[in-house]
N, C-alpha and C. Protein backbone atom coordinates (compact mmCIF):
# COMPACT_ATOMS: atom_id res chain seq x y z
N MET A 1 143.46 118.89 90.68
CA MET A 1 143.26 117.54 90.88
C MET A 1 142.60 117.03 91.45
N GLY A 2 141.74 115.96 91.62
CA GLY A 2 140.43 115.75 91.93
C GLY A 2 140.40 114.10 91.50
N SER A 3 139.55 113.17 92.85
CA SER A 3 139.69 111.64 92.85
C SER A 3 138.00 111.93 92.89
N TYR A 4 137.22 111.15 92.13
CA TYR A 4 135.53 110.83 92.40
C TYR A 4 135.19 109.67 92.50
N VAL A 5 134.04 109.37 92.94
CA VAL A 5 133.14 108.44 92.85
C VAL A 5 132.14 108.62 91.79
N TYR A 6 131.93 107.92 90.81
CA TYR A 6 131.15 107.93 89.79
C TYR A 6 130.07 107.13 90.16
N VAL A 7 128.90 107.86 90.44
CA VAL A 7 127.49 107.15 90.45
C VAL A 7 126.87 106.83 89.49
N PHE A 8 126.43 105.55 89.34
CA PHE A 8 125.31 105.37 88.21
C PHE A 8 124.03 104.59 88.68
N ASN A 9 123.18 105.65 88.27
CA ASN A 9 121.81 104.76 88.39
C ASN A 9 121.35 104.21 87.40
N LEU A 10 121.04 102.76 88.07
CA LEU A 10 120.41 101.48 86.92
C LEU A 10 119.11 101.32 86.92
N TYR A 11 118.64 102.28 87.67
CA TYR A 11 116.76 102.05 87.18
C TYR A 11 116.22 103.18 86.79
N SER A 12 115.20 102.95 86.51
CA SER A 12 114.37 103.91 85.23
C SER A 12 113.69 105.25 86.07
N GLU A 13 113.78 105.51 86.85
CA GLU A 13 113.13 106.66 88.02
C GLU A 13 114.49 107.31 88.31
N PRO A 14 114.37 108.92 88.03
CA PRO A 14 115.39 109.24 88.46
C PRO A 14 115.64 109.31 90.09
N VAL A 15 116.83 109.73 90.81
CA VAL A 15 117.38 109.67 92.34
C VAL A 15 117.07 111.30 92.35
N THR A 16 116.20 111.54 93.28
CA THR A 16 115.98 113.43 93.44
C THR A 16 117.22 113.90 93.80
N THR A 17 117.56 113.28 94.59
CA THR A 17 118.68 114.23 95.76
C THR A 17 119.39 112.99 96.14
N LEU A 18 120.84 112.57 95.87
CA LEU A 18 121.54 111.49 96.22
C LEU A 18 121.97 112.24 97.86
N THR A 19 122.26 111.26 99.07
CA THR A 19 122.68 112.09 99.87
C THR A 19 124.06 111.21 100.38
N VAL A 20 125.32 111.71 100.57
CA VAL A 20 126.43 110.95 101.05
C VAL A 20 127.04 111.71 102.33
N GLY A 21 126.45 110.52 103.48
CA GLY A 21 127.13 111.18 104.72
C GLY A 21 126.00 111.90 105.27
N GLY A 22 125.07 112.13 104.86
CA GLY A 22 124.06 112.79 105.03
C GLY A 22 124.49 114.63 104.63
N ALA A 23 125.18 114.50 103.75
CA ALA A 23 125.17 115.50 102.62
C ALA A 23 124.32 115.62 101.15
N PRO A 24 123.73 116.60 100.97
CA PRO A 24 123.76 116.21 99.43
C PRO A 24 124.44 116.53 98.68
N ALA A 25 124.27 115.22 97.48
CA ALA A 25 125.66 115.16 96.49
C ALA A 25 124.99 116.12 95.43
N GLY A 26 123.48 115.75 94.89
CA GLY A 26 122.94 115.91 93.56
C GLY A 26 121.71 115.27 93.03
N SER A 27 121.26 115.28 91.50
CA SER A 27 120.47 114.28 91.32
C SER A 27 120.87 113.40 90.32
N ILE A 28 120.34 112.37 89.58
CA ILE A 28 120.87 111.37 88.81
C ILE A 28 119.60 111.01 87.95
N ALA A 29 119.76 111.45 86.70
CA ALA A 29 118.51 110.92 86.04
C ALA A 29 118.33 109.46 85.76
N GLY A 30 117.01 108.99 85.32
CA GLY A 30 116.94 107.48 85.10
C GLY A 30 117.86 106.86 84.17
N TYR A 31 117.61 105.77 83.99
CA TYR A 31 118.49 105.44 82.74
C TYR A 31 117.91 105.89 81.14
N ALA A 32 118.44 105.51 80.19
CA ALA A 32 118.09 106.35 78.82
C ALA A 32 116.84 105.39 78.44
N THR A 33 116.08 105.60 77.78
CA THR A 33 114.73 105.33 77.43
C THR A 33 114.76 105.14 75.91
N GLY A 34 116.40 105.42 75.10
CA GLY A 34 116.31 105.24 73.90
C GLY A 34 116.41 106.21 72.76
N ALA A 35 116.29 107.43 73.55
CA ALA A 35 115.94 109.02 72.86
C ALA A 35 117.44 109.28 73.24
N GLY A 36 117.97 109.18 71.73
CA GLY A 36 119.78 109.68 71.99
C GLY A 36 120.48 108.39 72.21
N ALA A 37 120.47 108.30 73.36
CA ALA A 37 121.40 107.16 73.93
C ALA A 37 120.95 105.78 73.84
N PRO A 38 121.54 104.91 73.83
CA PRO A 38 121.12 103.12 73.67
C PRO A 38 120.32 103.15 74.91
N PRO A 39 119.00 102.09 74.30
CA PRO A 39 118.29 101.81 75.72
C PRO A 39 118.70 101.21 77.14
N TYR A 40 118.43 102.01 78.35
CA TYR A 40 119.22 101.18 79.85
C TYR A 40 120.72 102.12 79.93
N THR A 41 120.93 103.10 79.08
CA THR A 41 122.37 103.32 79.48
C THR A 41 121.92 104.27 80.71
N PRO A 42 122.95 104.02 81.97
CA PRO A 42 122.32 104.74 83.15
C PRO A 42 123.56 106.07 82.94
N ALA A 43 122.74 107.00 83.89
CA ALA A 43 123.05 108.09 84.11
C ALA A 43 123.74 108.43 85.13
N ARG A 44 124.79 109.58 85.61
CA ARG A 44 125.70 109.22 86.00
C ARG A 44 125.91 110.37 87.28
N LEU A 45 126.63 110.72 88.20
CA LEU A 45 127.00 112.04 89.01
C LEU A 45 128.24 111.60 89.78
N ALA A 46 129.47 112.98 89.38
CA ALA A 46 130.21 112.57 90.01
C ALA A 46 130.47 112.93 91.42
N VAL A 47 130.65 112.08 92.52
CA VAL A 47 130.94 112.87 93.94
C VAL A 47 132.44 112.70 94.01
N SER A 48 132.93 113.67 94.77
CA SER A 48 134.18 113.88 95.05
C SER A 48 134.76 112.79 96.37
N ARG A 49 135.61 112.21 96.29
CA ARG A 49 136.78 111.54 97.25
C ARG A 49 137.19 112.56 98.22
N ALA A 50 137.01 112.40 99.94
CA ALA A 50 137.21 113.42 100.98
C ALA A 50 138.44 113.90 100.76
N ARG A 51 139.79 113.40 100.11
CA ARG A 51 140.68 114.06 100.02
C ARG A 51 140.71 115.26 99.36
N TYR A 52 139.99 115.00 98.23
CA TYR A 52 139.50 116.36 97.26
C TYR A 52 138.48 116.79 97.23
N PRO A 53 137.61 117.16 98.34
CA PRO A 53 136.51 117.42 98.10
C PRO A 53 135.87 118.74 97.46
N THR A 54 134.86 118.57 96.46
CA THR A 54 134.60 119.53 95.88
C THR A 54 133.26 120.29 95.89
N GLY A 55 132.40 119.47 97.13
CA GLY A 55 131.06 120.14 97.37
C GLY A 55 131.03 119.63 98.93
N SER A 56 129.24 119.74 99.18
CA SER A 56 129.08 119.17 100.97
C SER A 56 129.29 117.69 101.02
N ALA A 57 129.12 117.02 99.97
CA ALA A 57 129.31 115.44 100.16
C ALA A 57 130.53 115.15 99.38
N ALA A 58 130.95 114.23 100.03
CA ALA A 58 132.54 113.41 99.70
C ALA A 58 131.98 111.73 100.34
N PHE A 59 132.81 111.50 99.60
CA PHE A 59 133.18 109.73 99.98
C PHE A 59 134.37 109.76 101.05
N VAL A 60 134.39 109.14 101.99
CA VAL A 60 135.34 108.58 103.15
C VAL A 60 135.81 107.50 102.93
N LEU A 61 137.15 107.27 103.40
CA LEU A 61 137.54 105.86 103.77
C LEU A 61 136.89 105.40 104.71
N GLY A 62 136.57 104.23 104.42
CA GLY A 62 135.22 103.54 105.54
C GLY A 62 134.11 103.34 105.54
N ASP A 63 133.23 103.69 106.20
CA ASP A 63 131.72 103.61 105.67
C ASP A 63 130.89 105.16 105.56
N ASN A 64 130.24 104.78 104.44
CA ASN A 64 129.47 106.15 103.98
C ASN A 64 127.79 105.68 104.01
N LEU A 65 126.89 106.26 104.80
CA LEU A 65 125.72 106.20 104.66
C LEU A 65 125.35 107.00 102.96
N VAL A 66 124.68 106.50 102.57
CA VAL A 66 124.18 106.53 101.10
C VAL A 66 122.76 106.38 100.77
N GLN A 67 122.04 107.65 100.87
CA GLN A 67 120.35 107.57 100.87
C GLN A 67 119.90 107.64 99.30
N ILE A 68 119.63 106.97 98.81
CA ILE A 68 118.82 107.20 97.03
C ILE A 68 117.36 107.26 97.35
N PRO A 69 116.96 108.70 96.69
CA PRO A 69 115.68 108.51 96.74
C PRO A 69 115.10 108.73 95.35
N TRP A 70 114.45 107.79 95.22
CA TRP A 70 114.21 107.35 93.52
C TRP A 70 112.38 108.07 93.94
N ASP A 71 111.67 108.28 92.62
CA ASP A 71 110.66 109.06 92.90
C ASP A 71 109.57 108.04 93.89
N SER A 72 109.23 106.60 93.53
CA SER A 72 108.35 105.72 94.06
C SER A 72 108.68 105.11 95.49
N PHE A 73 110.00 105.63 95.84
CA PHE A 73 110.54 104.79 97.41
C PHE A 73 111.79 105.19 97.61
N ARG A 74 112.90 104.93 98.55
CA ARG A 74 113.97 105.35 99.17
C ARG A 74 114.51 103.93 99.06
N GLY A 75 115.98 103.99 98.57
CA GLY A 75 117.21 102.99 99.22
C GLY A 75 117.95 103.39 99.88
N LEU A 76 118.54 102.76 100.93
CA LEU A 76 119.68 103.20 102.26
C LEU A 76 120.49 101.98 101.97
N THR A 77 121.59 102.40 102.09
CA THR A 77 122.65 101.50 101.69
C THR A 77 124.18 102.15 102.77
N THR A 78 125.09 101.41 102.99
CA THR A 78 126.31 101.95 103.66
C THR A 78 127.37 101.17 102.44
N VAL A 79 128.12 102.25 101.93
CA VAL A 79 129.50 101.88 100.91
C VAL A 79 130.28 101.90 101.84
N THR A 80 130.92 101.37 101.74
CA THR A 80 132.66 101.02 102.43
C THR A 80 133.57 101.34 101.22
N ILE A 81 134.23 102.70 101.24
CA ILE A 81 135.35 102.51 100.48
C ILE A 81 136.61 102.30 101.09
N PRO A 82 137.56 101.15 100.63
CA PRO A 82 138.56 100.53 100.93
C PRO A 82 139.65 101.29 101.20
N SER A 83 140.63 101.23 101.66
CA SER A 83 141.77 101.36 102.55
C SER A 83 142.63 101.22 101.17
N PRO A 84 144.04 101.73 100.66
CA PRO A 84 145.09 101.04 99.85
C PRO A 84 145.12 99.73 99.99
N GLY A 85 145.41 99.54 101.17
CA GLY A 85 146.22 98.33 102.23
C GLY A 85 145.16 96.99 101.97
N SER A 86 143.88 97.64 101.71
CA SER A 86 142.78 96.46 101.89
C SER A 86 142.33 95.91 100.46
N ALA A 87 142.55 96.68 99.20
CA ALA A 87 142.01 96.94 98.06
C ALA A 87 142.91 97.03 97.29
N PRO A 88 142.86 96.26 95.58
CA PRO A 88 143.39 97.27 94.63
C PRO A 88 143.46 98.47 94.03
N VAL A 89 143.55 99.60 94.95
CA VAL A 89 142.81 100.87 94.86
C VAL A 89 143.54 101.79 95.51
N GLY A 90 144.14 103.13 95.11
CA GLY A 90 145.00 104.36 95.72
C GLY A 90 144.05 105.11 96.05
N LEU A 91 144.41 106.02 97.00
CA LEU A 91 144.02 107.53 97.24
C LEU A 91 143.01 108.18 96.10
N ASP A 92 143.96 108.29 95.46
CA ASP A 92 143.47 108.84 94.19
C ASP A 92 143.09 108.25 93.01
N ASP A 93 142.51 106.99 93.39
CA ASP A 93 142.21 106.90 92.07
C ASP A 93 140.41 106.78 91.96
N PRO A 94 140.05 107.22 90.84
CA PRO A 94 138.73 107.27 90.54
C PRO A 94 138.03 105.97 90.86
N LEU A 95 136.48 106.01 91.34
CA LEU A 95 135.61 104.49 91.52
C LEU A 95 134.65 104.66 90.84
N MET A 96 133.79 103.18 90.74
CA MET A 96 132.37 103.13 90.10
C MET A 96 131.37 102.86 91.01
N LEU A 97 130.30 103.75 91.39
CA LEU A 97 129.27 102.90 92.13
C LEU A 97 128.16 102.77 91.50
N LEU A 98 127.44 101.29 91.26
CA LEU A 98 126.33 101.30 90.44
C LEU A 98 125.25 100.89 91.39
N LEU A 99 124.21 101.84 91.41
CA LEU A 99 123.18 101.84 92.29
C LEU A 99 121.79 100.73 91.62
N ALA A 100 121.41 100.08 91.94
CA ALA A 100 120.42 99.23 91.60
C ALA A 100 119.32 99.15 92.81
N VAL A 101 118.04 98.77 92.26
CA VAL A 101 117.24 98.90 93.62
C VAL A 101 117.17 97.83 94.86
N ASN A 102 118.27 96.75 94.61
CA ASN A 102 118.48 96.00 96.01
C ASN A 102 119.63 95.64 96.24
N GLN A 103 120.81 96.65 95.38
CA GLN A 103 122.02 96.30 95.58
C GLN A 103 122.94 97.48 94.82
N ALA A 104 124.19 98.04 95.69
CA ALA A 104 124.91 98.61 95.09
C ALA A 104 126.16 97.94 95.13
N THR A 105 127.03 97.97 93.80
CA THR A 105 128.47 97.42 93.60
C THR A 105 129.36 98.79 93.50
N LEU A 106 130.40 98.59 94.09
CA LEU A 106 131.80 99.36 94.14
C LEU A 106 132.98 98.91 93.25
N LEU A 107 133.22 99.65 92.26
CA LEU A 107 134.38 99.03 91.18
C LEU A 107 135.32 99.82 90.98
N SER A 108 136.52 99.45 90.82
CA SER A 108 137.86 100.34 90.02
C SER A 108 137.32 100.80 88.70
N THR A 109 138.30 101.82 88.60
CA THR A 109 137.86 102.00 86.83
C THR A 109 138.77 100.90 86.07
N ARG A 110 139.18 99.95 86.85
CA ARG A 110 139.64 98.69 85.78
C ARG A 110 138.99 97.71 86.23
N GLY A 111 137.61 97.78 86.14
CA GLY A 111 136.91 96.71 86.50
C GLY A 111 136.98 95.73 87.59
N PHE A 112 137.76 96.10 88.69
CA PHE A 112 137.85 95.05 89.42
C PHE A 112 136.56 95.24 90.50
N VAL A 113 135.47 94.50 91.18
CA VAL A 113 134.64 94.29 92.02
C VAL A 113 135.33 94.77 93.16
N LEU A 114 134.90 95.89 94.35
CA LEU A 114 135.66 95.87 95.36
C LEU A 114 134.72 95.37 96.46
N ALA A 115 133.32 95.67 96.45
CA ALA A 115 132.55 95.13 97.17
C ALA A 115 130.86 94.92 96.70
N ASN A 116 129.94 94.21 97.33
CA ASN A 116 128.56 94.66 96.79
C ASN A 116 127.97 95.13 98.27
N PHE A 117 127.14 95.78 98.32
CA PHE A 117 126.31 96.26 99.37
C PHE A 117 124.76 95.70 98.93
N PRO A 118 124.06 95.62 99.98
CA PRO A 118 122.28 95.51 100.39
C PRO A 118 121.97 96.74 100.28
N VAL A 119 120.96 97.30 99.59
CA VAL A 119 119.85 98.60 99.29
C VAL A 119 119.00 97.85 100.15
N SER A 120 118.53 98.72 101.28
CA SER A 120 117.05 98.67 101.99
C SER A 120 116.24 99.57 101.39
N LEU A 121 114.96 99.12 101.41
CA LEU A 121 113.70 99.77 100.21
C LEU A 121 112.88 100.20 101.49
N GLY A 122 112.62 101.98 101.47
CA GLY A 122 111.74 102.25 102.28
C GLY A 122 111.02 103.28 101.49
N MET A 123 109.63 103.16 102.31
CA MET A 123 108.70 104.55 101.44
C MET A 123 109.03 105.77 101.86
N GLY A 124 108.93 106.75 100.87
CA GLY A 124 108.98 108.44 101.49
C GLY A 124 110.27 108.71 101.14
N ALA A 125 110.32 110.03 101.36
CA ALA A 125 111.66 110.91 101.12
C ALA A 125 112.65 110.48 101.51
N ALA A 126 113.97 110.38 101.80
CA ALA A 126 115.02 110.31 102.22
C ALA A 126 115.41 111.86 103.23
N SER A 127 116.02 111.19 104.33
CA SER A 127 116.34 112.83 105.21
C SER A 127 117.72 112.40 105.72
N PRO A 128 118.36 113.37 105.96
CA PRO A 128 119.50 113.04 106.13
C PRO A 128 119.97 112.66 107.29
N ALA A 129 118.91 112.50 108.12
CA ALA A 129 119.26 112.62 109.86
C ALA A 129 118.63 111.10 109.63
N ALA A 130 118.46 110.50 108.64
CA ALA A 130 117.83 108.91 108.91
C ALA A 130 119.16 108.11 109.03
N ASP A 131 118.67 106.71 109.87
CA ASP A 131 119.67 105.80 109.94
C ASP A 131 119.56 104.41 109.18
N SER A 132 119.81 103.80 108.60
CA SER A 132 120.29 103.11 107.79
C SER A 132 119.43 101.44 108.01
N ARG A 133 119.93 101.60 109.80
CA ARG A 133 118.87 100.66 110.33
C ARG A 133 117.51 100.98 110.50
N ALA A 134 116.98 101.77 110.27
CA ALA A 134 115.59 102.22 110.54
C ALA A 134 114.79 102.68 109.55
N VAL A 135 114.53 101.50 108.78
CA VAL A 135 113.91 101.77 107.15
C VAL A 135 112.41 101.11 107.34
N GLU A 136 111.36 102.03 106.97
CA GLU A 136 110.16 101.16 107.02
C GLU A 136 110.12 100.16 105.98
N PRO A 137 109.21 98.91 106.36
CA PRO A 137 109.20 98.26 104.97
C PRO A 137 108.35 98.65 103.98
N ALA A 138 108.67 97.86 102.79
CA ALA A 138 108.52 98.80 101.30
C ALA A 138 106.74 98.19 101.05
């Protein structure tokens, strides 16, 4: 049994090593350019939720610092996973996180938008020790 946050990269460049809470979660290809899949189809990465962690990175209830290192720049955001009492999702429900250059959107798999989070942009590689409040201007 497990529950995941499916993270989708909506940008053309790959995410080299997504980090959640300072732990590496994995890489995500850029969106499809038409070779096999329809153009602009986003690639995804499954990151476990804390109740059933399957790797070093896991989304927990509450705030999660997420670092998104694309090839040209990095994005930083804090994604808040809601508790079951505050949103129409359970502890075991899979979630979707759509990563765009300027915003991240958290949804239930039933298409309910749970929240939007601004993405701050900076130059250079993301660092697990970086703080989302200390981002160099793009």
